[in-house]
Amino acid sequence: MSAVKGQMLDLRVAAPQPSTPSPMLDSLAAAAKIQVPRPLQEVLAQSKISTLAQLDSAGRLAPLLDNYQI
């Protein structure tokens, strides 16, 4: 927000979109021939994390996995 002559203005700016789409985690796992444990798949799905960018944005996974044995 910015003050202009005593008035407050609400400025909205669109976030830039990445130039290429973020890879899907299941595609990365398949390419690397890694089997992702089912409980981890469930946690990621419940947290709506399906791309590498979403995983990066989520930060640490440890708090999401507290109730799971992987």
N, C-alpha and C. Protein backbone atom coordinates (compact mmCIF):
# COMPACT_ATOMS: atom_id res chain seq x y z
N MET A 1 0.84 -1.17 0.00
CA MET A 1 0.00 0.00 0.00
C MET A 1 0.89 1.23 0.00
N SER A 2 0.39 2.27 -0.60
CA SER A 2 1.16 3.49 -0.74
C SER A 2 0.26 4.68 -0.47
N ALA A 3 0.79 5.66 0.21
CA ALA A 3 0.02 6.87 0.50
C ALA A 3 0.24 7.89 -0.61
N VAL A 4 -0.84 8.35 -1.20
CA VAL A 4 -0.78 9.37 -2.23
C VAL A 4 -1.73 10.48 -1.82
N LYS A 5 -1.17 11.65 -1.50
CA LYS A 5 -1.96 12.80 -1.08
C LYS A 5 -2.96 12.43 0.01
N GLY A 6 -2.49 11.68 1.00
CA GLY A 6 -3.32 11.34 2.14
C GLY A 6 -4.27 10.17 1.93
N GLN A 7 -4.28 9.56 0.75
CA GLN A 7 -5.15 8.42 0.48
C GLN A 7 -4.32 7.15 0.37
N MET A 8 -4.91 6.07 0.79
CA MET A 8 -4.23 4.78 0.68
C MET A 8 -4.68 4.10 -0.61
N LEU A 9 -3.74 3.58 -1.36
CA LEU A 9 -4.02 2.85 -2.58
C LEU A 9 -3.61 1.40 -2.40
N ASP A 10 -4.44 0.52 -2.88
CA ASP A 10 -4.13 -0.90 -2.83
C ASP A 10 -3.58 -1.29 -4.19
N LEU A 11 -2.29 -1.62 -4.27
CA LEU A 11 -1.65 -1.98 -5.53
C LEU A 11 -1.52 -3.49 -5.63
N ARG A 12 -1.96 -4.05 -6.74
CA ARG A 12 -1.85 -5.50 -6.96
C ARG A 12 -0.93 -5.73 -8.14
N VAL A 13 0.04 -6.61 -7.94
CA VAL A 13 1.01 -6.92 -8.98
C VAL A 13 1.01 -8.42 -9.21
N ALA A 14 0.90 -8.81 -10.45
CA ALA A 14 0.92 -10.24 -10.78
C ALA A 14 2.33 -10.79 -10.63
N ALA A 15 2.42 -11.97 -10.02
CA ALA A 15 3.72 -12.63 -9.89
C ALA A 15 4.14 -13.16 -11.25
N PRO A 16 5.41 -13.06 -11.57
CA PRO A 16 5.86 -13.58 -12.87
C PRO A 16 5.72 -15.10 -12.92
N GLN A 17 5.33 -15.60 -14.06
CA GLN A 17 5.19 -17.03 -14.26
C GLN A 17 6.52 -17.61 -14.74
N PRO A 18 6.86 -18.81 -14.27
CA PRO A 18 8.10 -19.42 -14.76
C PRO A 18 8.02 -19.64 -16.27
N SER A 19 9.16 -19.55 -16.92
CA SER A 19 9.18 -19.69 -18.38
C SER A 19 8.88 -21.12 -18.82
N THR A 20 9.23 -22.08 -18.01
CA THR A 20 8.90 -23.47 -18.32
C THR A 20 8.15 -24.06 -17.13
N PRO A 21 7.19 -24.94 -17.39
CA PRO A 21 6.44 -25.54 -16.28
C PRO A 21 7.36 -26.37 -15.38
N SER A 22 7.02 -26.38 -14.13
CA SER A 22 7.79 -27.18 -13.17
C SER A 22 7.51 -28.66 -13.41
N PRO A 23 8.54 -29.50 -13.34
CA PRO A 23 8.34 -30.94 -13.56
C PRO A 23 7.45 -31.56 -12.48
N MET A 24 6.67 -32.53 -12.90
CA MET A 24 5.83 -33.28 -11.97
C MET A 24 6.72 -34.25 -11.19
N LEU A 25 6.43 -34.39 -9.90
CA LEU A 25 7.24 -35.26 -9.05
C LEU A 25 7.17 -36.72 -9.50
N ASP A 26 5.99 -37.18 -9.92
CA ASP A 26 5.89 -38.58 -10.35
C ASP A 26 6.71 -38.83 -11.62
N SER A 27 6.80 -37.82 -12.50
CA SER A 27 7.63 -37.96 -13.70
C SER A 27 9.11 -38.01 -13.34
N LEU A 28 9.50 -37.18 -12.37
CA LEU A 28 10.90 -37.18 -11.93
C LEU A 28 11.26 -38.52 -11.29
N ALA A 29 10.36 -39.04 -10.46
CA ALA A 29 10.61 -40.33 -9.81
C ALA A 29 10.73 -41.44 -10.84
N ALA A 30 9.86 -41.42 -11.84
CA ALA A 30 9.91 -42.44 -12.89
C ALA A 30 11.21 -42.34 -13.69
N ALA A 31 11.60 -41.12 -14.03
CA ALA A 31 12.83 -40.92 -14.80
C ALA A 31 14.06 -41.37 -14.01
N ALA A 32 14.03 -41.16 -12.69
CA ALA A 32 15.15 -41.56 -11.85
C ALA A 32 15.03 -43.00 -11.37
N LYS A 33 13.93 -43.67 -11.76
CA LYS A 33 13.67 -45.05 -11.36
C LYS A 33 13.66 -45.19 -9.83
N ILE A 34 12.97 -44.24 -9.21
CA ILE A 34 12.82 -44.22 -7.76
C ILE A 34 11.36 -44.54 -7.43
N GLN A 35 11.17 -45.45 -6.49
CA GLN A 35 9.81 -45.76 -6.04
C GLN A 35 9.52 -44.93 -4.79
N VAL A 36 8.57 -44.02 -4.91
CA VAL A 36 8.20 -43.15 -3.79
C VAL A 36 7.27 -43.95 -2.88
N PRO A 37 7.59 -44.04 -1.59
CA PRO A 37 6.74 -44.80 -0.66
C PRO A 37 5.30 -44.27 -0.66
N ARG A 38 4.34 -45.18 -0.58
CA ARG A 38 2.92 -44.81 -0.61
C ARG A 38 2.57 -43.76 0.45
N PRO A 39 3.03 -43.88 1.70
CA PRO A 39 2.69 -42.85 2.68
C PRO A 39 3.18 -41.46 2.27
N LEU A 40 4.35 -41.39 1.65
CA LEU A 40 4.86 -40.09 1.19
C LEU A 40 3.99 -39.56 0.05
N GLN A 41 3.56 -40.44 -0.86
CA GLN A 41 2.67 -40.04 -1.93
C GLN A 41 1.37 -39.46 -1.36
N GLU A 42 0.85 -40.09 -0.31
CA GLU A 42 -0.39 -39.63 0.32
C GLU A 42 -0.21 -38.27 0.97
N VAL A 43 0.91 -38.08 1.67
CA VAL A 43 1.18 -36.78 2.31
C VAL A 43 1.29 -35.69 1.26
N LEU A 44 2.00 -35.97 0.19
CA LEU A 44 2.16 -34.98 -0.87
C LEU A 44 0.80 -34.65 -1.51
N ALA A 45 -0.01 -35.65 -1.73
CA ALA A 45 -1.34 -35.43 -2.32
C ALA A 45 -2.22 -34.61 -1.39
N GLN A 46 -2.22 -34.95 -0.11
CA GLN A 46 -3.02 -34.21 0.87
C GLN A 46 -2.56 -32.76 0.99
N SER A 47 -1.27 -32.53 0.78
CA SER A 47 -0.71 -31.19 0.86
C SER A 47 -0.76 -30.46 -0.48
N LYS A 48 -1.36 -31.13 -1.48
CA LYS A 48 -1.48 -30.56 -2.83
C LYS A 48 -0.11 -30.21 -3.43
N ILE A 49 0.84 -31.12 -3.22
CA ILE A 49 2.19 -30.96 -3.76
C ILE A 49 2.38 -32.00 -4.85
N SER A 50 2.47 -31.55 -6.10
CA SER A 50 2.65 -32.49 -7.20
C SER A 50 3.78 -32.09 -8.15
N THR A 51 4.33 -30.88 -7.96
CA THR A 51 5.43 -30.44 -8.83
C THR A 51 6.65 -30.09 -7.99
N LEU A 52 7.77 -30.02 -8.66
CA LEU A 52 9.01 -29.66 -7.97
C LEU A 52 8.92 -28.25 -7.39
N ALA A 53 8.28 -27.34 -8.10
CA ALA A 53 8.13 -25.96 -7.61
C ALA A 53 7.26 -25.93 -6.35
N GLN A 54 6.20 -26.72 -6.31
CA GLN A 54 5.34 -26.77 -5.12
C GLN A 54 6.09 -27.35 -3.94
N LEU A 55 6.91 -28.35 -4.19
CA LEU A 55 7.72 -28.94 -3.14
C LEU A 55 8.71 -27.92 -2.60
N ASP A 56 9.33 -27.16 -3.49
CA ASP A 56 10.27 -26.12 -3.09
C ASP A 56 9.56 -25.06 -2.26
N SER A 57 8.37 -24.65 -2.68
CA SER A 57 7.61 -23.63 -1.96
C SER A 57 7.17 -24.11 -0.59
N ALA A 58 6.89 -25.40 -0.47
CA ALA A 58 6.44 -25.95 0.80
C ALA A 58 7.54 -25.93 1.85
N GLY A 59 8.78 -25.91 1.40
CA GLY A 59 9.89 -25.91 2.35
C GLY A 59 10.16 -27.31 2.87
N ARG A 60 10.32 -27.42 4.15
CA ARG A 60 10.67 -28.72 4.75
C ARG A 60 9.51 -29.69 4.74
N LEU A 61 9.80 -30.94 4.46
CA LEU A 61 8.79 -31.99 4.49
C LEU A 61 8.63 -32.60 5.87
N ALA A 62 9.63 -32.48 6.70
CA ALA A 62 9.62 -33.15 8.01
C ALA A 62 8.33 -32.88 8.80
N PRO A 63 7.86 -31.64 8.90
CA PRO A 63 6.62 -31.42 9.67
C PRO A 63 5.42 -32.14 9.06
N LEU A 64 5.39 -32.32 7.75
CA LEU A 64 4.29 -33.02 7.11
C LEU A 64 4.33 -34.52 7.39
N LEU A 65 5.51 -35.04 7.67
CA LEU A 65 5.71 -36.48 7.82
C LEU A 65 5.70 -36.96 9.26
N ASP A 66 5.45 -36.07 10.21
CA ASP A 66 5.52 -36.44 11.62
C ASP A 66 4.66 -37.65 11.99
N ASN A 67 3.53 -37.80 11.36
CA ASN A 67 2.62 -38.88 11.72
C ASN A 67 2.75 -40.13 10.84
N TYR A 68 3.80 -40.16 10.01
CA TYR A 68 3.96 -41.27 9.08
C TYR A 68 5.30 -41.96 9.29
N GLN A 69 5.30 -43.26 9.09
CA GLN A 69 6.56 -44.01 9.08
C GLN A 69 6.92 -44.29 7.65
N ILE A 70 8.03 -43.73 7.22
CA ILE A 70 8.45 -43.92 5.83
C ILE A 70 9.81 -44.59 5.81
